[in-house]
């Protein structure tokens, strides 16, 4: 990019990244990956980077956990609570303490996976 010195960030973080839309695809799109040409410098010959979506997706899980923490604080409970991944609707609901869920929850309660 022009105007950005070498060694400096192009953006100030993931919030300035704009997700491509249909209008960003060129009219003549003839790009393909080379078949049978391994990338010897990458893990398992990968041809893409998956770290940003992998780590940014964890923000959703921690946002859910913060929301549960706020719901528990409303009823006066600030104790640590387990929330296993994936955060299923059952796990989220049972982690929010209220008069309906409190009789069923012990200190070691972990809801079953719903799949």
Protein backbone atom coordinates (compact mmCIF):
# COMPACT_ATOMS: atom_id res chain seq x y z
CA UNK A 1 0.00 0.00 0.00
CA UNK A 2 1.17 3.45 -0.81
CA UNK A 3 1.89 5.85 2.01
CA UNK A 4 2.39 3.19 4.69
CA UNK A 5 6.04 2.78 5.75
CA UNK A 6 7.49 -0.71 5.85
CA UNK A 7 7.03 -2.39 9.22
CA UNK A 8 3.91 -0.42 10.18
CA UNK A 9 0.40 -1.80 10.54
CA UNK A 10 -2.01 -1.18 7.68
CA UNK A 11 -4.99 -1.22 10.06
CA UNK A 12 -5.54 -0.49 13.73
CA UNK A 13 -7.24 -3.84 14.45
CA UNK A 14 -9.89 -6.27 13.27
CA UNK A 15 -12.62 -3.63 13.70
CA UNK A 16 -11.36 -1.77 10.65
CA UNK A 17 -11.54 -4.87 8.44
CA UNK A 18 -14.42 -4.66 6.00
CA UNK A 19 -15.99 -7.98 5.03
CA UNK A 20 -16.01 -8.42 1.25
CA UNK A 21 -19.44 -8.38 -0.37
CA UNK A 22 -20.81 -9.52 -3.72
CA UNK A 23 -19.88 -6.15 -5.25
CA UNK A 24 -16.18 -6.81 -4.49
CA UNK A 25 -15.95 -9.82 -6.82
CA UNK A 26 -14.53 -8.87 -10.23
CA UNK A 27 -16.72 -9.48 -13.28
CA UNK A 28 -14.07 -11.77 -14.76
CA UNK A 29 -12.97 -14.01 -11.88
CA UNK A 30 -10.61 -16.72 -13.11
CA UNK A 31 -8.47 -17.57 -10.09
CA UNK A 32 -7.80 -21.09 -8.89
CA UNK A 33 -5.35 -22.87 -6.62
CA UNK A 34 -2.73 -25.03 -8.22
CA UNK A 35 -3.65 -28.68 -7.79
CA UNK A 36 -0.87 -31.07 -6.83
CA UNK A 37 1.56 -28.31 -5.81
CA UNK A 38 2.13 -28.61 -2.06
CA UNK A 39 3.11 -25.63 0.03
CA UNK A 40 6.17 -27.12 1.73
CA UNK A 41 6.53 -24.17 4.11
CA UNK A 42 3.05 -24.54 5.64
CA UNK A 43 1.48 -27.02 8.03
CA UNK A 44 -0.04 -29.94 6.12
CA UNK A 45 0.53 -28.03 2.85
CA UNK A 46 -2.22 -25.52 3.62
CA UNK A 47 -2.81 -22.67 1.20
CA UNK A 48 -4.68 -20.27 3.50
CA UNK A 49 -4.49 -18.75 6.95
CA UNK A 50 -7.22 -19.71 9.41
CA UNK A 51 -6.06 -17.95 12.56
CA UNK A 52 -8.11 -14.70 12.34
CA UNK A 53 -11.54 -16.34 11.99
CA UNK A 54 -10.63 -18.99 14.55
CA UNK A 55 -9.58 -16.53 17.23
CA UNK A 56 -12.18 -13.86 16.41
CA UNK A 57 -14.91 -16.48 16.77
CA UNK A 58 -13.86 -17.00 20.39
CA UNK A 59 -15.06 -13.44 21.07
CA UNK A 60 -18.64 -14.70 20.67
CA UNK A 61 -18.13 -17.34 23.35
CA UNK A 62 -16.65 -14.84 25.80
CA UNK A 63 -19.41 -12.31 25.06
CA UNK A 64 -21.95 -14.99 25.99
CA UNK A 65 -20.02 -15.74 29.17
CA UNK A 66 -19.96 -12.01 30.07
CA UNK A 67 -23.72 -11.81 29.51
CA UNK A 68 -24.25 -14.80 31.81
CA UNK A 69 -21.99 -13.21 34.42
CA UNK A 70 -24.12 -10.03 34.27
CA UNK A 71 -27.35 -12.04 34.63
CA UNK A 72 -25.94 -13.86 37.65
CA UNK A 73 -24.82 -10.55 39.20
CA UNK A 74 -28.41 -9.27 38.98
CA UNK A 75 -29.48 -12.03 41.39
CA UNK A 76 -26.49 -11.45 43.66
CA UNK A 77 -24.26 -14.33 42.58
CA UNK A 78 -20.69 -13.48 41.61
CA UNK A 79 -19.23 -16.99 42.03
CA UNK A 80 -17.21 -18.72 39.34
CA UNK A 81 -19.28 -20.92 37.03
CA UNK A 82 -18.36 -23.46 34.35
CA UNK A 83 -19.36 -22.88 30.74
CA UNK A 84 -18.11 -25.58 28.41
CA UNK A 85 -17.75 -25.07 24.69
CA UNK A 86 -19.93 -25.21 22.62
CA UNK A 87 -22.22 -22.82 24.47
CA UNK A 88 -25.50 -24.58 23.72
CA UNK A 89 -28.85 -23.01 24.64
CA UNK A 90 -29.17 -25.52 27.50
CA UNK A 91 -25.77 -24.61 28.94
CA UNK A 92 -26.44 -20.88 28.63
CA UNK A 93 -29.88 -21.12 30.24
CA UNK A 94 -28.75 -23.26 33.15
CA UNK A 95 -25.74 -21.00 33.80
CA UNK A 96 -28.06 -18.00 34.25
CA UNK A 97 -29.15 -18.37 37.86
CA UNK A 98 -32.71 -17.41 38.67
CA UNK A 99 -35.62 -18.80 40.63
CA UNK A 100 -36.33 -21.40 37.92
CA UNK A 101 -32.84 -22.89 37.49
CA UNK A 102 -31.35 -22.49 40.97
CA UNK A 103 -33.07 -25.57 42.51
CA UNK A 104 -31.45 -27.82 39.88
CA UNK A 105 -27.89 -26.50 39.92
CA UNK A 106 -25.10 -27.70 42.20
CA UNK A 107 -21.53 -26.44 42.30
CA UNK A 108 -20.41 -29.13 39.82
CA UNK A 109 -23.37 -28.86 37.42
CA UNK A 110 -22.56 -29.26 33.72
CA UNK A 111 -25.48 -29.56 31.27
CA UNK A 112 -25.35 -32.38 28.72
CA UNK A 113 -24.45 -31.63 25.13
CA UNK A 114 -27.61 -31.22 23.04
CA UNK A 115 -26.42 -32.92 19.86
